[in-house]
Protein backbone atom coordinates (compact mmCIF):
# COMPACT_ATOMS: atom_id res chain seq x y z
CA ALA A 1 0.00 -0.07 0.09
CA LEU A 2 1.17 3.67 -0.55
CA VAL A 3 0.27 5.80 2.32
CA THR A 4 1.12 9.72 2.54
CA SER A 5 1.58 10.96 6.07
CA ARG A 6 3.33 13.96 7.96
CA ARG A 7 5.16 11.06 10.10
CA ARG A 8 6.29 7.77 9.70
CA LEU A 9 4.09 4.92 10.34
CA GLY A 10 6.68 3.06 12.78
CA LEU A 11 6.30 -0.34 11.17
CA ARG A 12 9.21 -2.63 10.45
CA LYS A 13 8.30 -3.32 6.87
CA GLU A 14 7.94 0.39 6.24
CA HIS A 15 9.86 1.81 3.52
CA VAL A 16 10.19 5.50 3.67
CA LEU A 17 10.09 8.00 0.66
CA MET A 18 10.73 11.89 1.73
CA ILE A 19 8.66 14.18 -0.47
CA GLY A 20 9.85 17.69 -0.62
CA GLY A 21 8.68 20.69 -2.63
CA LEU A 22 8.01 20.89 -6.06
CA HIS A 23 11.12 21.36 -8.46
CA ALA A 24 12.10 24.96 -8.99
CA THR A 25 13.69 26.03 -12.44
CA SER A 26 17.54 27.22 -12.76
CA SER A 27 16.25 29.71 -15.39
CA ALA A 28 13.93 32.78 -15.05
CA SER A 29 12.43 32.26 -18.78
CA ASP A 30 11.41 28.54 -17.56
CA ILE A 31 8.08 27.74 -15.53
CA SER A 32 8.65 25.83 -12.59
CA ASP A 33 6.58 22.49 -11.65
CA GLY A 34 5.16 25.12 -9.01
CA ALA A 35 4.05 27.93 -11.27
CA ARG A 36 2.45 25.23 -13.58
CA LEU A 37 0.38 24.04 -10.69
CA MET A 38 -0.66 27.73 -9.37
CA LEU A 39 -1.61 28.45 -13.01
CA LEU A 40 -3.97 25.45 -13.24
CA LEU A 41 -5.57 25.98 -9.95
CA ALA A 42 -5.80 29.88 -10.52
CA ARG A 43 -7.85 29.20 -13.74
CA GLN A 44 -9.77 26.55 -11.61
CA HIS A 45 -10.80 29.07 -9.06
CA GLY A 46 -12.02 31.70 -11.76
CA CYS A 47 -8.80 33.90 -11.70
CA ALA A 48 -9.28 36.24 -14.53
CA GLU A 49 -5.63 37.47 -14.18
CA ALA A 50 -4.34 33.85 -14.87
CA ASP A 51 -4.61 34.47 -18.56
CA ALA A 52 -2.70 37.88 -18.55
CA PRO A 53 0.94 37.87 -19.92
CA HIS A 54 2.56 38.90 -16.60
CA PHE A 55 0.95 36.17 -14.55
CA VAL A 56 3.28 33.50 -15.21
CA ALA A 57 6.29 35.76 -13.77
CA THR A 58 4.18 36.67 -10.66
CA ALA A 59 3.30 33.25 -10.37
CA ARG A 60 7.00 32.24 -10.55
CA ASP A 61 7.92 34.93 -7.95
CA LEU A 62 4.90 33.54 -5.64
CA CYS A 63 6.18 30.22 -5.91
CA THR A 64 9.73 31.13 -4.87
CA ALA A 65 8.46 32.91 -1.85
CA LEU A 66 6.20 29.89 -1.05
CA GLN A 67 9.58 27.67 -1.61
CA GLU A 68 7.27 25.41 -3.99
CA ALA A 69 5.50 23.75 -0.99
CA PRO A 70 2.25 22.28 -2.58
CA LEU A 71 0.07 23.26 0.25
CA ALA A 72 1.04 26.85 0.18
CA ILE A 73 0.85 26.95 -3.89
CA GLU A 74 -2.84 25.42 -3.34
CA LEU A 75 -3.87 28.00 -0.65
CA ALA A 76 -2.39 30.79 -2.51
CA ALA A 77 -4.20 29.54 -5.84
CA ALA A 78 -7.48 30.05 -3.99
CA CYS A 79 -6.47 33.50 -2.75
CA LEU A 80 -6.17 34.58 -6.33
CA SER A 81 -10.14 34.48 -6.89
CA HIS A 82 -10.52 37.77 -5.00
CA THR A 83 -6.93 39.02 -4.71
CA ASP A 84 -4.58 40.87 -7.28
CA ALA A 85 -1.46 38.67 -7.74
CA HIS A 86 1.12 41.21 -7.10
CA ALA A 87 -0.87 42.31 -3.69
CA LEU A 88 -0.79 38.41 -2.80
CA LEU A 89 2.77 38.33 -3.41
CA GLN A 90 3.41 41.41 -0.89
CA GLN A 91 1.32 39.63 1.43
CA VAL A 92 3.05 36.24 1.30
CA LEU A 93 6.46 38.11 1.84
CA ALA A 94 5.06 39.80 4.93
CA ASP A 95 2.99 36.84 6.68
CA ILE A 96 2.89 33.58 4.79
CA GLN A 97 0.95 32.29 7.77
CA ALA A 98 -2.11 34.53 6.74
CA LEU A 99 -2.62 32.32 3.86
CA GLY A 100 -6.04 30.61 4.00
CA SER A 101 -8.82 29.20 1.86
CA ASP A 102 -12.74 28.53 2.41
CA VAL A 103 -12.79 25.34 0.27
CA SER A 104 -15.10 23.17 2.25
CA ASP A 105 -13.93 19.66 1.35
CA LEU A 106 -10.25 20.67 2.69
CA PRO A 107 -9.71 19.21 6.21
CA PRO A 108 -9.54 22.19 8.49
CA ARG A 109 -5.89 21.41 9.39
CA HIS A 110 -5.30 22.32 5.35
CA ARG A 111 -7.29 25.30 5.29
CA ASN A 112 -4.69 27.87 6.29
CA MET A 113 -0.95 27.75 6.89
CA ARG A 114 -1.14 28.75 10.63
CA ALA A 115 -3.65 25.66 11.13
CA ALA A 116 -1.31 23.33 9.08
CA LEU A 117 1.49 24.44 11.45
CA GLU A 118 -0.67 24.28 14.36
CA SER A 119 -1.49 20.74 13.62
CA ALA A 120 2.35 19.73 12.93
CA TRP A 121 3.31 21.38 16.25
CA GLY A 122 0.52 19.21 18.50
CA LEU A 123 2.11 16.07 17.19
CA LEU A 124 5.69 17.14 18.73
CA ASP A 125 6.69 16.29 21.82
CA THR A 126 7.72 18.65 24.47
CA HIS A 127 11.69 18.34 23.39
CA ALA A 128 10.88 18.94 19.75
CA GLN A 129 8.81 21.99 20.43
CA ARG A 130 11.66 23.61 22.29
CA ALA A 131 14.15 22.42 19.71
CA LEU A 132 12.02 24.27 16.75
CA SER A 133 11.51 27.37 18.68
CA ALA A 134 15.33 27.62 19.51
CA LEU A 135 16.40 26.86 15.60
CA ALA A 136 13.92 29.70 14.76
CA LEU A 137 16.66 32.08 15.85
CA PHE A 138 18.72 31.32 12.89
CA ARG A 139 18.51 33.34 9.87
CA ALA A 140 20.41 31.12 7.66
CA PRO A 141 20.52 27.25 7.68
CA ALA A 142 22.08 26.29 10.70
CA HIS A 143 25.15 24.13 11.32
CA ARG A 144 24.18 20.88 12.73
CA ALA A 145 26.79 21.66 15.47
CA ALA A 146 25.14 25.11 16.33
CA ALA A 147 21.80 23.43 16.65
CA LEU A 148 23.17 20.73 18.79
CA HIS A 149 25.01 23.35 20.97
CA ILE A 150 21.71 25.24 21.46
CA LEU A 151 19.83 21.74 22.48
CA ARG A 152 22.42 21.03 25.30
CA ALA A 153 21.73 24.65 26.50
CA ILE A 154 18.18 23.99 26.57
CA ASP A 155 18.11 20.41 27.71
CA ALA A 156 16.89 19.07 24.69
CA PRO A 157 18.19 15.77 23.28
CA PRO A 158 19.65 15.43 20.01
CA PHE A 159 17.16 13.21 18.67
CA ALA A 160 14.46 15.95 18.77
CA LEU A 161 15.92 17.07 15.44
CA ASN A 162 15.21 13.62 14.01
CA GLN A 163 11.45 14.25 15.03
CA LEU A 164 11.52 17.64 13.37
CA SER A 165 12.89 15.96 10.39
CA ASP A 166 10.15 13.31 10.28
CA TYR A 167 7.58 15.93 10.32
CA ALA A 168 9.16 17.80 7.25
CA LEU A 169 9.60 20.91 9.69
CA LEU A 170 13.37 21.05 8.75
CA HIS A 171 15.33 19.05 6.25
CA SER A 172 19.50 18.32 6.52
CA ALA A 173 21.74 18.96 3.41
CA THR A 174 25.54 19.04 3.04
CA GLU A 175 27.04 22.00 1.55
CA HIS A 176 30.68 22.97 1.55
CA GLY A 177 31.50 20.11 3.40
CA GLN A 178 29.57 20.58 6.27
CA GLN A 179 26.11 19.49 7.42
CA PHE A 180 23.43 22.28 7.54
CA LEU A 181 19.87 22.54 8.90
CA HIS A 182 17.10 24.11 6.74
CA ILE A 183 13.94 25.47 7.72
CA HIS A 184 11.28 26.91 5.47
CA ASP A 185 10.72 30.73 5.94
CA HIS A 186 6.93 29.98 7.05
CA VAL A 187 8.06 27.34 9.45
CA ARG A 188 10.49 29.74 10.73
CA GLN A 189 8.01 32.68 11.14
CA PHE A 190 5.55 29.92 13.11
CA ALA A 191 8.56 28.77 15.32
CA GLN A 192 9.49 32.51 15.99
CA ASP A 193 6.12 33.18 17.50
CA LYS A 194 6.21 29.95 19.53
CA LEU A 195 9.86 30.94 20.79
CA ARG A 196 8.31 34.51 21.85
CA ALA A 197 5.68 32.63 23.87
CA GLN A 198 8.33 30.91 25.80
CA SER A 199 9.68 31.97 29.25
CA ALA A 200 11.97 34.87 29.21
CA ALA A 201 14.42 32.65 30.81
CA LEU A 202 14.50 30.52 27.96
CA GLN A 203 14.52 33.10 25.32
CA ALA A 204 17.71 34.17 27.01
CA THR A 205 19.49 30.84 27.12
CA VAL A 206 18.45 30.24 23.36
CA ALA A 207 19.88 33.85 22.46
CA ASP A 208 23.04 33.35 24.64
CA GLY A 209 23.49 29.96 22.88
CA HIS A 210 23.24 31.26 19.50
CA MET A 211 25.59 33.97 20.34
CA GLU A 212 28.36 31.86 22.05
CA TRP A 213 28.54 29.43 19.01
CA ALA A 214 28.54 31.86 16.31
CA LEU A 215 31.21 34.06 17.69
CA ARG A 216 33.41 31.21 18.75
CA TRP A 217 32.87 29.63 15.18
CA LEU A 218 33.86 32.94 13.58
CA SER A 219 37.19 32.96 15.74
CA ASP A 220 38.13 29.17 14.50
CA CYS A 221 37.17 30.63 10.84
CA ASP A 222 40.29 32.90 11.11
CA ALA A 223 42.84 30.29 10.55
CA LEU A 224 41.06 28.27 7.97
CA LEU A 225 40.56 31.81 6.00
CA ASN A 226 44.51 31.38 5.26
CA SER A 227 44.50 27.90 4.15
CA PRO A 228 43.02 26.15 1.11
CA GLU A 229 39.72 25.97 2.97
CA SER A 230 39.49 29.74 2.44
CA SER A 231 36.65 29.38 -0.44
CA ASN A 232 34.48 27.23 1.34
CA ILE A 233 34.81 29.18 4.60
CA GLN A 234 34.02 32.52 2.91
CA ALA A 235 30.94 31.15 1.31
CA GLN A 236 29.59 29.82 4.97
CA ILE A 237 30.14 33.11 6.58
CA SER A 238 28.68 35.00 3.55
CA ALA A 239 25.60 32.72 4.27
CA CYS A 240 25.54 33.20 7.92
CA ILE A 241 26.08 37.23 8.05
CA GLU A 242 22.87 37.92 9.52
CA ASP A 243 23.53 35.56 12.31
CA LEU A 244 26.80 36.83 12.81
CA GLN A 245 25.37 40.30 13.03
CA LEU A 246 22.79 39.00 15.66
CA ALA A 247 25.14 37.39 17.86
CA TRP A 248 27.55 40.24 17.68
CA GLN A 249 24.95 42.72 18.78
CA ARG A 250 23.84 40.22 21.63
CA ALA A 251 27.39 40.16 22.89
CA ILE A 252 27.63 44.04 23.20
CA GLU A 253 24.17 43.79 25.17
CA ARG A 254 25.61 41.22 26.99
CA ARG A 255 29.08 42.76 27.73
CA ALA A 256 30.61 39.70 26.30
CA TRP A 257 33.79 41.35 25.91
CA ASP A 258 35.69 38.23 25.67
CA LEU A 259 33.60 36.74 22.80
CA LEU A 260 34.11 40.13 20.95
CA GLU A 261 37.83 39.91 21.15
CA MET A 262 38.13 36.52 20.29
CA ALA A 263 35.95 36.91 17.45
CA THR A 264 37.21 40.14 15.72
CA LYS A 265 40.36 38.62 13.88
CA GLY A 266 38.15 36.40 12.18
CA LEU A 267 35.82 39.05 10.86
CA VAL A 268 38.40 41.12 9.84
CA SER A 269 40.12 38.25 7.74
CA PHE A 270 36.87 37.64 6.30
CA HIS A 271 36.19 41.25 5.02
CA ILE A 272 39.56 41.45 3.83
CA ALA A 273 39.20 38.34 1.77
CA ARG A 274 35.79 39.44 0.49
CA SER A 275 37.29 42.79 -0.33
CA TRP A 276 34.45 44.29 1.84
CA LEU A 277 36.66 46.65 3.26
CA LYS A 278 34.18 49.55 3.80
CA SER A 279 31.50 47.37 5.55
CA GLY A 280 34.34 45.78 7.52
CA ALA A 281 35.60 49.01 9.04
CA GLN A 282 32.29 50.23 9.64
CA TRP A 283 31.24 47.31 11.68
CA LEU A 284 34.28 47.66 13.75
CA ALA A 285 33.91 51.54 14.08
CA ALA A 286 30.37 51.10 15.02
CA THR A 287 31.41 48.46 17.78
CA ARG A 288 33.85 50.81 19.11
CA ARG A 289 31.25 53.62 19.37
CA ALA A 290 28.84 51.05 21.15
CA ILE A 291 31.10 49.88 23.78
CA ALA A 292 32.67 53.45 24.57
CA ASP A 293 34.75 53.26 27.44
CA GLU A 294 33.02 50.54 29.02
CA ALA A 295 34.88 47.63 27.66
CA GLY A 296 38.64 46.45 28.52
CA LEU A 297 41.29 47.95 27.18
CA THR A 298 42.05 44.43 25.40
CA LEU A 299 38.85 44.51 23.45
CA ARG A 300 39.26 48.09 22.32
CA ALA A 301 42.77 47.51 21.20
CA ALA A 302 41.80 44.23 19.21
CA LEU A 303 39.07 46.44 17.74
CA GLY A 304 41.55 49.05 16.73
CA LEU A 305 43.94 46.59 15.30
CA GLY A 306 41.46 44.94 13.27
CA GLU A 307 40.22 48.26 11.79
CA LEU A 308 43.80 49.10 11.17
CA ARG A 309 44.34 45.96 9.17
CA ILE A 310 41.52 46.92 6.95
CA PHE A 311 42.83 50.40 6.43
CA VAL A 312 46.24 49.05 5.27
CA GLN A 313 44.20 47.44 2.48
CA GLN A 314 42.91 50.61 1.24
CA PHE A 315 46.18 52.73 1.12
CA HIS A 316 44.72 55.78 2.52
CA VAL A 317 41.73 56.44 4.73
CA ASP A 318 40.73 59.65 6.46
CA GLY A 319 41.32 59.17 10.34
CA ALA A 320 43.60 56.20 10.00
CA ARG A 321 46.54 58.28 11.53
CA GLN A 322 44.49 59.23 14.60
CA LEU A 323 43.14 55.61 15.06
CA ALA A 324 46.72 54.29 14.76
CA GLU A 325 47.91 56.67 17.54
CA GLU A 326 45.18 55.83 19.77
CA THR A 327 45.36 51.89 19.35
CA LEU A 328 49.35 52.29 19.86
CA ALA A 329 48.64 53.95 23.17
CA LEU A 330 45.88 51.09 24.25
CA CYS A 331 48.60 48.68 23.54
CA GLN A 332 51.36 50.21 25.34
CA GLN A 333 49.13 50.48 28.70
CA ILE A 334 48.20 46.82 28.40
CA GLY A 335 51.89 46.18 27.66
CA THR A 336 51.76 43.14 25.49
CA PRO A 337 54.70 43.47 23.10
CA ASN A 338 53.41 41.54 19.91
CA TRP A 339 50.54 44.08 19.91
CA VAL A 340 52.50 47.32 20.32
CA SER A 341 54.46 45.86 17.60
CA GLU A 342 51.30 45.45 15.34
CA ALA A 343 50.05 48.97 16.38
CA MET A 344 53.23 50.46 15.81
CA LEU A 345 53.84 48.62 12.30
CA ALA A 346 49.97 50.12 11.49
CA LEU A 347 51.23 53.56 12.52
CA GLY A 348 54.37 52.99 10.06
CA TRP A 349 52.11 52.47 7.26
CA THR A 350 49.70 55.59 7.89
CA GLN A 351 52.87 57.55 8.05
CA PHE A 352 53.90 55.78 4.98
CA ASN A 353 50.69 56.59 3.15
CA GLU A 354 51.03 60.22 4.01
CA GLY A 355 54.46 60.54 2.25
CA GLN A 356 56.49 60.83 6.08
CA THR A 357 58.74 58.19 4.43
CA ALA A 358 61.44 58.85 7.48
CA GLU A 359 58.92 58.33 10.16
CA ALA A 360 57.70 55.41 8.68
CA GLU A 361 60.99 53.73 8.45
CA HIS A 362 61.23 54.63 12.23
CA SER A 363 58.17 53.07 13.26
CA ALA A 364 58.76 49.93 11.05
CA ARG A 365 62.10 49.23 12.82
CA GLN A 366 60.88 49.97 16.20
CA ALA A 367 58.05 47.36 15.30
CA LEU A 368 60.43 44.87 13.74
CA SER A 369 62.53 44.90 17.20
CA GLY A 370 59.70 44.68 19.30
CA ALA A 371 58.45 41.60 17.05
CA LEU A 372 61.67 39.72 17.27
CA VAL A 373 61.59 40.10 21.14
CA ALA A 374 58.18 38.77 21.11
CA ASP A 375 59.12 35.91 18.91
CA ARG A 376 56.37 37.20 16.14
CA PRO A 377 57.94 35.99 12.93
CA ILE A 378 54.87 37.10 10.78
CA VAL A 379 54.75 40.37 12.35
CA ALA A 380 58.46 40.54 11.80
CA ALA A 381 57.83 39.70 8.03
CA GLN A 382 55.09 42.39 7.61
CA CYS A 383 57.71 44.92 9.06
CA ASN A 384 59.96 44.01 6.52
CA ASN A 385 57.45 44.44 3.92
CA LEU A 386 57.22 47.95 5.27
CA LEU A 387 60.71 48.52 5.02
CA SER A 388 60.80 47.27 1.51
CA ALA A 389 58.12 49.93 0.55
CA VAL A 390 60.35 52.63 2.04
CA ALA A 391 63.47 51.44 0.21
CA LEU A 392 61.55 51.32 -3.05
CA ARG A 393 60.48 54.84 -2.40
CA ARG A 394 63.96 55.85 -2.32
CA GLY A 395 65.04 54.25 -5.54
CA HIS A 396 66.81 51.13 -3.74
CA ALA A 397 65.03 48.56 -5.60
CA LYS A 398 67.74 45.97 -4.69
CA GLU A 399 67.48 46.59 -0.95
CA SER A 400 63.61 46.45 -1.50
CA VAL A 401 63.99 43.10 -3.03
CA ASP A 402 66.21 41.94 -0.09
CA PHE A 403 63.63 43.00 2.52
CA LEU A 404 60.94 41.09 0.76
CA LEU A 405 62.84 37.91 0.21
CA ALA A 406 63.45 37.80 4.12
CA ALA A 407 59.63 38.33 4.71
CA LEU A 408 58.78 35.89 2.20
CA SER A 409 61.14 33.23 3.56
CA ALA A 410 59.62 33.74 7.01
CA ALA A 411 55.98 33.41 5.88
CA GLU A 412 56.89 30.39 4.01
CA ALA A 413 58.19 28.69 7.30
CA GLN A 414 55.31 29.70 8.93
CA GLY A 415 52.93 28.47 6.37
CA ASP A 416 51.04 31.78 6.33
CA LEU A 417 49.49 31.48 2.65
CA PHE A 418 47.98 35.24 2.63
CA SER A 419 51.44 36.88 3.58
CA GLN A 420 53.13 34.62 0.90
CA GLY A 421 50.78 35.94 -1.78
CA ASN A 422 51.21 39.43 -0.58
CA PHE A 423 55.19 39.18 -0.31
CA ASN A 424 55.43 37.22 -3.71
CA SER A 425 53.24 40.03 -5.34
CA ASN A 426 55.31 42.83 -3.99
CA VAL A 427 58.62 41.08 -4.95
CA GLY A 428 57.58 40.36 -8.39
CA LEU A 429 56.88 44.19 -9.00
CA CYS A 430 60.32 45.17 -7.41
CA LEU A 431 61.95 42.55 -9.65
CA VAL A 432 60.13 43.86 -12.96
CA ASN A 433 61.65 47.53 -11.77
CA ILE A 434 65.00 46.36 -12.04
CA GLY A 435 64.66 44.19 -14.94
CA GLU A 436 64.56 40.74 -13.93
CA PHE A 437 61.45 39.67 -15.79
CA GLU A 438 62.20 35.97 -15.75
CA ARG A 439 62.43 36.15 -11.60
CA ALA A 440 59.54 38.65 -11.49
CA GLU A 441 57.39 36.27 -13.47
CA HIS A 442 57.92 33.30 -11.13
CA HIS A 443 56.99 35.28 -8.08
CA LEU A 444 54.08 37.06 -9.74
CA ARG A 445 52.57 33.48 -10.94
CA ARG A 446 53.17 32.16 -7.56
CA ALA A 447 51.14 35.05 -5.89
CA GLN A 448 48.48 34.57 -8.45
CA GLN A 449 48.43 30.83 -7.76
CA ILE A 450 48.07 31.51 -4.06
CA TYR A 451 45.20 34.00 -4.13
CA GLU A 452 43.31 31.53 -6.28
CA THR A 453 43.85 28.74 -3.88
CA LEU A 454 42.48 31.10 -1.09
CA GLY A 455 39.66 32.45 -3.33
CA ILE A 456 40.47 36.03 -2.96
CA ALA A 457 39.71 37.40 -6.40
CA HIS A 458 40.25 41.02 -5.98
CA LEU A 459 43.91 40.60 -4.99
CA ALA A 460 44.47 37.72 -7.97
CA GLN A 461 43.18 40.77 -10.20
CA ARG A 462 45.76 42.97 -8.62
CA VAL A 463 48.38 40.33 -9.49
CA ALA A 464 47.28 40.18 -13.03
CA TYR A 465 47.84 44.06 -13.32
CA LYS A 466 51.49 43.43 -12.03
CA ILE A 467 51.90 40.64 -14.65
CA GLY A 468 50.46 43.07 -17.42
CA TYR A 469 52.74 45.41 -16.26
CA ALA A 470 55.94 43.34 -16.51
CA ALA A 471 54.87 42.39 -20.32
CA ASP A 472 54.46 45.97 -20.86
CA MET A 473 58.06 46.79 -19.50
CA GLN A 474 59.43 44.12 -22.08
CA GLY A 475 57.49 45.59 -25.11
CA ARG A 476 55.06 42.71 -25.09
CA TYR A 477 51.98 45.12 -25.57
CA ARG A 478 49.48 42.67 -26.98
CA ASP A 479 50.37 40.18 -24.16
CA ALA A 480 49.89 42.58 -21.78
CA GLN A 481 46.48 44.09 -23.08
CA ALA A 482 45.34 40.46 -23.22
CA VAL A 483 46.35 39.95 -19.42
CA TYR A 484 44.74 43.13 -18.44
CA MET A 485 41.52 42.61 -20.31
CA ARG A 486 40.93 39.27 -18.93
CA ALA A 487 41.52 40.83 -15.42
CA LEU A 488 39.15 43.51 -16.04
CA ARG A 489 36.48 41.34 -16.97
CA LEU A 490 36.76 39.52 -13.72
CA SER A 491 36.77 42.89 -11.89
CA GLN A 492 33.83 44.08 -13.57
CA ARG A 493 32.12 40.89 -12.70
CA ASP A 494 32.90 41.23 -9.13
CA GLY A 495 32.29 45.05 -9.10
CA GLN A 496 35.83 45.85 -8.09
CA LEU A 497 36.13 49.48 -8.80
CA PHE A 498 39.75 50.14 -7.43
CA ASN A 499 40.86 47.23 -9.72
CA GLN A 500 39.16 48.55 -12.58
CA MET A 501 40.57 51.83 -12.32
CA GLY A 502 44.33 50.46 -12.18
CA LEU A 503 43.73 48.19 -14.96
CA THR A 504 42.04 50.85 -17.30
CA ILE A 505 45.11 53.05 -16.41
CA ASN A 506 47.63 50.53 -17.70
CA LEU A 507 45.51 49.64 -20.61
CA GLY A 508 45.60 53.47 -21.78
CA ILE A 509 49.41 53.46 -21.39
CA SER A 510 49.81 50.32 -23.19
CA PHE A 511 47.81 51.36 -26.36
CA HIS A 512 49.79 54.80 -25.87
CA GLN A 513 53.07 52.99 -26.20
CA MET A 514 51.89 51.14 -29.06
CA GLY A 515 50.77 54.54 -30.79
CA GLU A 516 47.08 53.50 -30.59
CA TYR A 517 45.98 57.00 -29.27
CA ASP A 518 42.29 56.45 -29.66
CA SER A 519 42.19 53.47 -27.85
CA ALA A 520 44.48 55.16 -25.21
CA LEU A 521 42.47 57.86 -25.15
CA ALA A 522 39.30 56.02 -24.58
CA TYR A 523 40.66 53.95 -21.42
CA SER A 524 42.10 56.85 -19.65
CA LYS A 525 38.68 58.48 -19.95
CA GLN A 526 37.19 55.32 -18.57
CA ALA A 527 39.98 55.32 -15.67
CA LEU A 528 39.45 58.82 -14.88
CA GLU A 529 35.52 58.19 -14.37
CA LEU A 530 36.37 55.27 -12.17
CA ALA A 531 38.82 57.42 -10.11
CA LYS A 532 35.88 59.72 -9.41
CA ALA A 533 33.79 56.69 -8.26
CA VAL A 534 36.69 55.41 -6.24
CA LYS A 535 37.44 58.60 -4.76
């Protein structure tokens, strides 16, 4: 016999086939199974709008909002006999539980979404009810480990998740090598109502569990963002960004300074990897304002160091010098040598970007001395990177190369991929400037490979800029232009205006060197417009 049910029958000879929603389409021009069903039912219910040209697109949007759930589609189609399709879509987006039908031969539990969910809720035991309420706090699909962490906090057993899965209130999927628990939006809305009806103590326990897991996980991600797993980790963090914002705000409210300090490095590394520099700096600056002087010195220093790491990627930012001086003072007050070295190095970069070369060198050497005493080889390598920039500005290209090779050796010894990419890229450019093109290409290709491994597209594009520049310097203008154009297409795809500006400048120069002045002028004008946009 074939039986459809919202739960297993619990029989030994039972064979279970899970039935999900209808299939969506991968193309906006195709009509999904859900949209076909809605079109059929809308006509059945006498919806005059069903034959209008625009209806298929609206039906597609409705089915997407309903996540292709058959019952929800049936209820929505019934509403179309007396509600405009666009108005119904807005209603669904606001509150899917309001969907209902007055069809008399439907069971009462199927006449509206709220009744269907209440019916399912009544079949759950107490543990599963609490588990569903708790999972409603997640804005994105939850890591299974995160769900289990919260279940432990509310004394619910792990098998409560199995019951929720059996009743199709959640489903599990493996993504990026991790298991995630998905809850439909309409189930989440319902479960959020149930969570608000729980005691204040339980709500606080759920929120604290969510905060602790999310921020500890973000902290653990820092090392993984500097590994071949970086692309997967970036995708996971991007998907969970609303959960991280919620957890971060909760930590500020709960004065959980230790969790915020722990998570700051991961937050910064993620924003640098994604090139979300402005939003990352704004996030940290808003946190500094929110905590004011209430937090301990270490959190305030950690936030300042994090913001400065982002500023260094942007070459020059208003207020960076003041922040560097304030952060250095905090670190000196704390007295942790490696933090003092990091702050001194950040101050050196702000001085360098302001044209104060001698002051930048002094700060870099002070930071290097402190890093060596504190046995922080990567910080020492970063100091050599700044000293290399100082030497190059003074025209000492070979000395600049020596500083960078020392930095690169330390980064390779420590297995720091991000720093290896940076130092290979910089030494490659220095070698181009002294005419050692074969060595330069080796380092530039290695930098590009590292950034591609890390999934950091915007930095890979900057390396392509340097590879093209090397070809230009050798008179291989067509090769250079081909490299620039490939990188330009990628930077346009990713919305990287700064990279687009640099690439179009070099395209203009390259065409000018070939005597193709019309093309040179066109790219130069394009670069000027991008410069205005980049500011």
